[in-house]
Amino acid sequence: MTPDAQPTPASRETPDSVPDPAPESAAAPRARVEDKAPRGLWFRLLVYVVLVHAFAAFLFLLFEVAARQ
């Protein structure tokens, strides 16, 4: 061994150890954009609002018909 050469340390991995996570150069998962709500959420919200208004209109009609009798 030459005086300038440095020995490399032995690997510390044992059979029970967990390997290091993937390096940063691996394909990163897409970041979620928090500025906009998901499309499915808007659709559900629209359906719920329409259904609640339809139910409220039915109850209003029910009370109007009952009041006339």
N, C-alpha and C. Protein backbone atom coordinates (compact mmCIF):
# COMPACT_ATOMS: atom_id res chain seq x y z
N MET A 1 0.86 -1.17 0.00
CA MET A 1 0.00 0.00 0.00
C MET A 1 0.91 1.23 0.00
N THR A 2 0.56 2.18 -0.83
CA THR A 2 1.37 3.39 -0.91
C THR A 2 0.97 4.34 0.21
N PRO A 3 1.81 5.27 0.58
CA PRO A 3 1.49 6.18 1.68
C PRO A 3 0.29 7.08 1.36
N ASP A 4 0.00 7.35 0.10
CA ASP A 4 -1.11 8.23 -0.26
C ASP A 4 -2.45 7.50 -0.29
N ALA A 5 -2.44 6.21 -0.40
CA ALA A 5 -3.69 5.45 -0.53
C ALA A 5 -4.37 5.33 0.82
N GLN A 6 -5.66 5.54 0.81
CA GLN A 6 -6.46 5.41 2.03
C GLN A 6 -7.24 4.11 1.97
N PRO A 7 -7.30 3.37 3.05
CA PRO A 7 -8.10 2.14 3.03
C PRO A 7 -9.58 2.48 2.99
N THR A 8 -10.34 1.67 2.30
CA THR A 8 -11.78 1.87 2.25
C THR A 8 -12.41 1.09 3.39
N PRO A 9 -13.37 1.70 4.08
CA PRO A 9 -14.00 0.98 5.20
C PRO A 9 -14.85 -0.17 4.68
N ALA A 10 -14.97 -1.18 5.50
CA ALA A 10 -15.78 -2.33 5.15
C ALA A 10 -17.25 -1.95 5.22
N SER A 11 -18.06 -2.63 4.44
CA SER A 11 -19.50 -2.38 4.44
C SER A 11 -20.08 -2.79 5.78
N ARG A 12 -20.99 -1.97 6.30
CA ARG A 12 -21.60 -2.26 7.59
C ARG A 12 -22.88 -3.07 7.46
N GLU A 13 -23.28 -3.38 6.26
CA GLU A 13 -24.54 -4.10 6.07
C GLU A 13 -24.43 -5.51 6.62
N THR A 14 -25.44 -5.88 7.37
CA THR A 14 -25.57 -7.24 7.87
C THR A 14 -26.80 -7.83 7.22
N PRO A 15 -27.01 -9.12 7.30
CA PRO A 15 -28.20 -9.70 6.67
C PRO A 15 -29.51 -9.12 7.20
N ASP A 16 -29.52 -8.63 8.44
CA ASP A 16 -30.76 -8.10 9.02
C ASP A 16 -30.93 -6.60 8.78
N SER A 17 -29.91 -5.94 8.23
CA SER A 17 -30.02 -4.49 8.07
C SER A 17 -30.84 -4.15 6.83
N VAL A 18 -31.39 -2.97 6.86
CA VAL A 18 -32.21 -2.48 5.75
C VAL A 18 -31.29 -1.74 4.80
N PRO A 19 -31.38 -1.98 3.50
CA PRO A 19 -30.52 -1.26 2.55
C PRO A 19 -30.89 0.22 2.52
N ASP A 20 -29.94 1.02 2.07
CA ASP A 20 -30.17 2.46 1.96
C ASP A 20 -31.29 2.73 0.96
N PRO A 21 -32.06 3.82 1.18
CA PRO A 21 -33.12 4.14 0.22
C PRO A 21 -32.53 4.49 -1.14
N ALA A 22 -33.40 4.54 -2.12
CA ALA A 22 -32.97 4.82 -3.49
C ALA A 22 -32.33 6.20 -3.56
N PRO A 23 -31.35 6.38 -4.41
CA PRO A 23 -30.70 7.70 -4.52
C PRO A 23 -31.67 8.73 -5.08
N GLU A 24 -31.32 9.98 -4.90
CA GLU A 24 -32.18 11.08 -5.34
C GLU A 24 -32.35 11.12 -6.85
N SER A 25 -31.44 10.49 -7.58
CA SER A 25 -31.53 10.53 -9.04
C SER A 25 -32.65 9.64 -9.57
N ALA A 26 -33.22 8.80 -8.70
CA ALA A 26 -34.33 7.94 -9.13
C ALA A 26 -35.54 8.83 -9.44
N ALA A 27 -36.45 8.30 -10.22
CA ALA A 27 -37.64 9.06 -10.60
C ALA A 27 -38.43 9.41 -9.35
N ALA A 28 -38.55 10.68 -9.08
CA ALA A 28 -39.27 11.14 -7.91
C ALA A 28 -40.77 11.08 -8.20
N PRO A 29 -41.57 10.77 -7.19
CA PRO A 29 -43.02 10.78 -7.41
C PRO A 29 -43.50 12.19 -7.70
N ARG A 30 -44.58 12.28 -8.46
CA ARG A 30 -45.10 13.60 -8.80
C ARG A 30 -45.60 14.30 -7.55
N ALA A 31 -45.28 15.54 -7.43
CA ALA A 31 -45.73 16.33 -6.29
C ALA A 31 -47.20 16.70 -6.50
N ARG A 32 -47.97 16.61 -5.44
CA ARG A 32 -49.37 16.99 -5.54
C ARG A 32 -49.48 18.50 -5.53
N VAL A 33 -50.30 19.02 -6.39
CA VAL A 33 -50.51 20.46 -6.44
C VAL A 33 -51.63 20.78 -5.46
N GLU A 34 -51.30 21.58 -4.46
CA GLU A 34 -52.27 21.89 -3.42
C GLU A 34 -53.12 23.11 -3.75
N ASP A 35 -52.83 23.76 -4.89
CA ASP A 35 -53.59 24.95 -5.24
C ASP A 35 -54.99 24.61 -5.74
N LYS A 36 -55.15 23.44 -6.35
CA LYS A 36 -56.44 23.06 -6.93
C LYS A 36 -56.91 21.76 -6.28
N ALA A 37 -58.22 21.68 -6.05
CA ALA A 37 -58.80 20.46 -5.51
C ALA A 37 -58.91 19.42 -6.63
N PRO A 38 -58.88 18.15 -6.29
CA PRO A 38 -59.02 17.11 -7.31
C PRO A 38 -60.36 17.21 -8.03
N ARG A 39 -60.38 16.76 -9.28
CA ARG A 39 -61.59 16.85 -10.09
C ARG A 39 -62.73 16.04 -9.48
N GLY A 40 -62.42 14.88 -8.91
CA GLY A 40 -63.46 14.05 -8.30
C GLY A 40 -64.13 14.73 -7.13
N LEU A 41 -63.37 15.54 -6.39
CA LEU A 41 -63.94 16.26 -5.26
C LEU A 41 -64.95 17.30 -5.74
N TRP A 42 -64.61 18.02 -6.81
CA TRP A 42 -65.55 19.00 -7.35
C TRP A 42 -66.82 18.32 -7.86
N PHE A 43 -66.67 17.16 -8.49
CA PHE A 43 -67.84 16.44 -9.00
C PHE A 43 -68.75 16.00 -7.85
N ARG A 44 -68.16 15.43 -6.80
CA ARG A 44 -68.96 15.00 -5.64
C ARG A 44 -69.64 16.18 -4.99
N LEU A 45 -68.92 17.29 -4.87
CA LEU A 45 -69.49 18.48 -4.27
C LEU A 45 -70.69 18.98 -5.07
N LEU A 46 -70.56 18.99 -6.39
CA LEU A 46 -71.66 19.42 -7.25
C LEU A 46 -72.87 18.48 -7.09
N VAL A 47 -72.62 17.17 -7.09
CA VAL A 47 -73.71 16.21 -6.94
C VAL A 47 -74.39 16.38 -5.59
N TYR A 48 -73.62 16.53 -4.51
CA TYR A 48 -74.22 16.70 -3.19
C TYR A 48 -75.04 17.97 -3.10
N VAL A 49 -74.54 19.06 -3.67
CA VAL A 49 -75.28 20.33 -3.62
C VAL A 49 -76.59 20.20 -4.39
N VAL A 50 -76.55 19.59 -5.56
CA VAL A 50 -77.76 19.41 -6.37
C VAL A 50 -78.75 18.51 -5.64
N LEU A 51 -78.27 17.41 -5.07
CA LEU A 51 -79.18 16.49 -4.37
C LEU A 51 -79.77 17.12 -3.12
N VAL A 52 -79.00 17.89 -2.38
CA VAL A 52 -79.53 18.54 -1.17
C VAL A 52 -80.58 19.58 -1.56
N HIS A 53 -80.35 20.32 -2.63
CA HIS A 53 -81.35 21.29 -3.07
C HIS A 53 -82.61 20.60 -3.59
N ALA A 54 -82.45 19.49 -4.28
CA ALA A 54 -83.62 18.74 -4.75
C ALA A 54 -84.41 18.20 -3.56
N PHE A 55 -83.73 17.70 -2.54
CA PHE A 55 -84.42 17.20 -1.34
C PHE A 55 -85.12 18.34 -0.61
N ALA A 56 -84.47 19.49 -0.52
CA ALA A 56 -85.09 20.65 0.13
C ALA A 56 -86.32 21.11 -0.65
N ALA A 57 -86.25 21.09 -1.97
CA ALA A 57 -87.41 21.46 -2.79
C ALA A 57 -88.55 20.47 -2.59
N PHE A 58 -88.24 19.18 -2.47
CA PHE A 58 -89.27 18.17 -2.22
C PHE A 58 -89.94 18.42 -0.87
N LEU A 59 -89.14 18.70 0.16
CA LEU A 59 -89.73 18.97 1.47
C LEU A 59 -90.59 20.23 1.43
N PHE A 60 -90.13 21.26 0.74
CA PHE A 60 -90.91 22.49 0.61
C PHE A 60 -92.24 22.20 -0.08
N LEU A 61 -92.20 21.43 -1.17
CA LEU A 61 -93.42 21.07 -1.88
C LEU A 61 -94.34 20.24 -1.00
N LEU A 62 -93.77 19.33 -0.23
CA LEU A 62 -94.55 18.49 0.68
C LEU A 62 -95.30 19.34 1.70
N PHE A 63 -94.62 20.33 2.29
CA PHE A 63 -95.27 21.19 3.27
C PHE A 63 -96.30 22.11 2.61
N GLU A 64 -96.04 22.56 1.39
CA GLU A 64 -97.00 23.41 0.70
C GLU A 64 -98.28 22.63 0.39
N VAL A 65 -98.14 21.40 -0.07
CA VAL A 65 -99.31 20.58 -0.38
C VAL A 65 -100.08 20.26 0.90
N ALA A 66 -99.37 19.96 1.97
CA ALA A 66 -100.03 19.63 3.24
C ALA A 66 -100.73 20.86 3.82
N ALA A 67 -100.22 22.05 3.60
CA ALA A 67 -100.83 23.26 4.15
C ALA A 67 -102.11 23.60 3.41
N ARG A 68 -102.26 23.21 2.16
CA ARG A 68 -103.46 23.52 1.39
C ARG A 68 -104.62 22.60 1.74
N GLN A 69 -104.36 21.50 2.36
CA GLN A 69 -105.45 20.56 2.66
C GLN A 69 -106.03 20.77 4.03
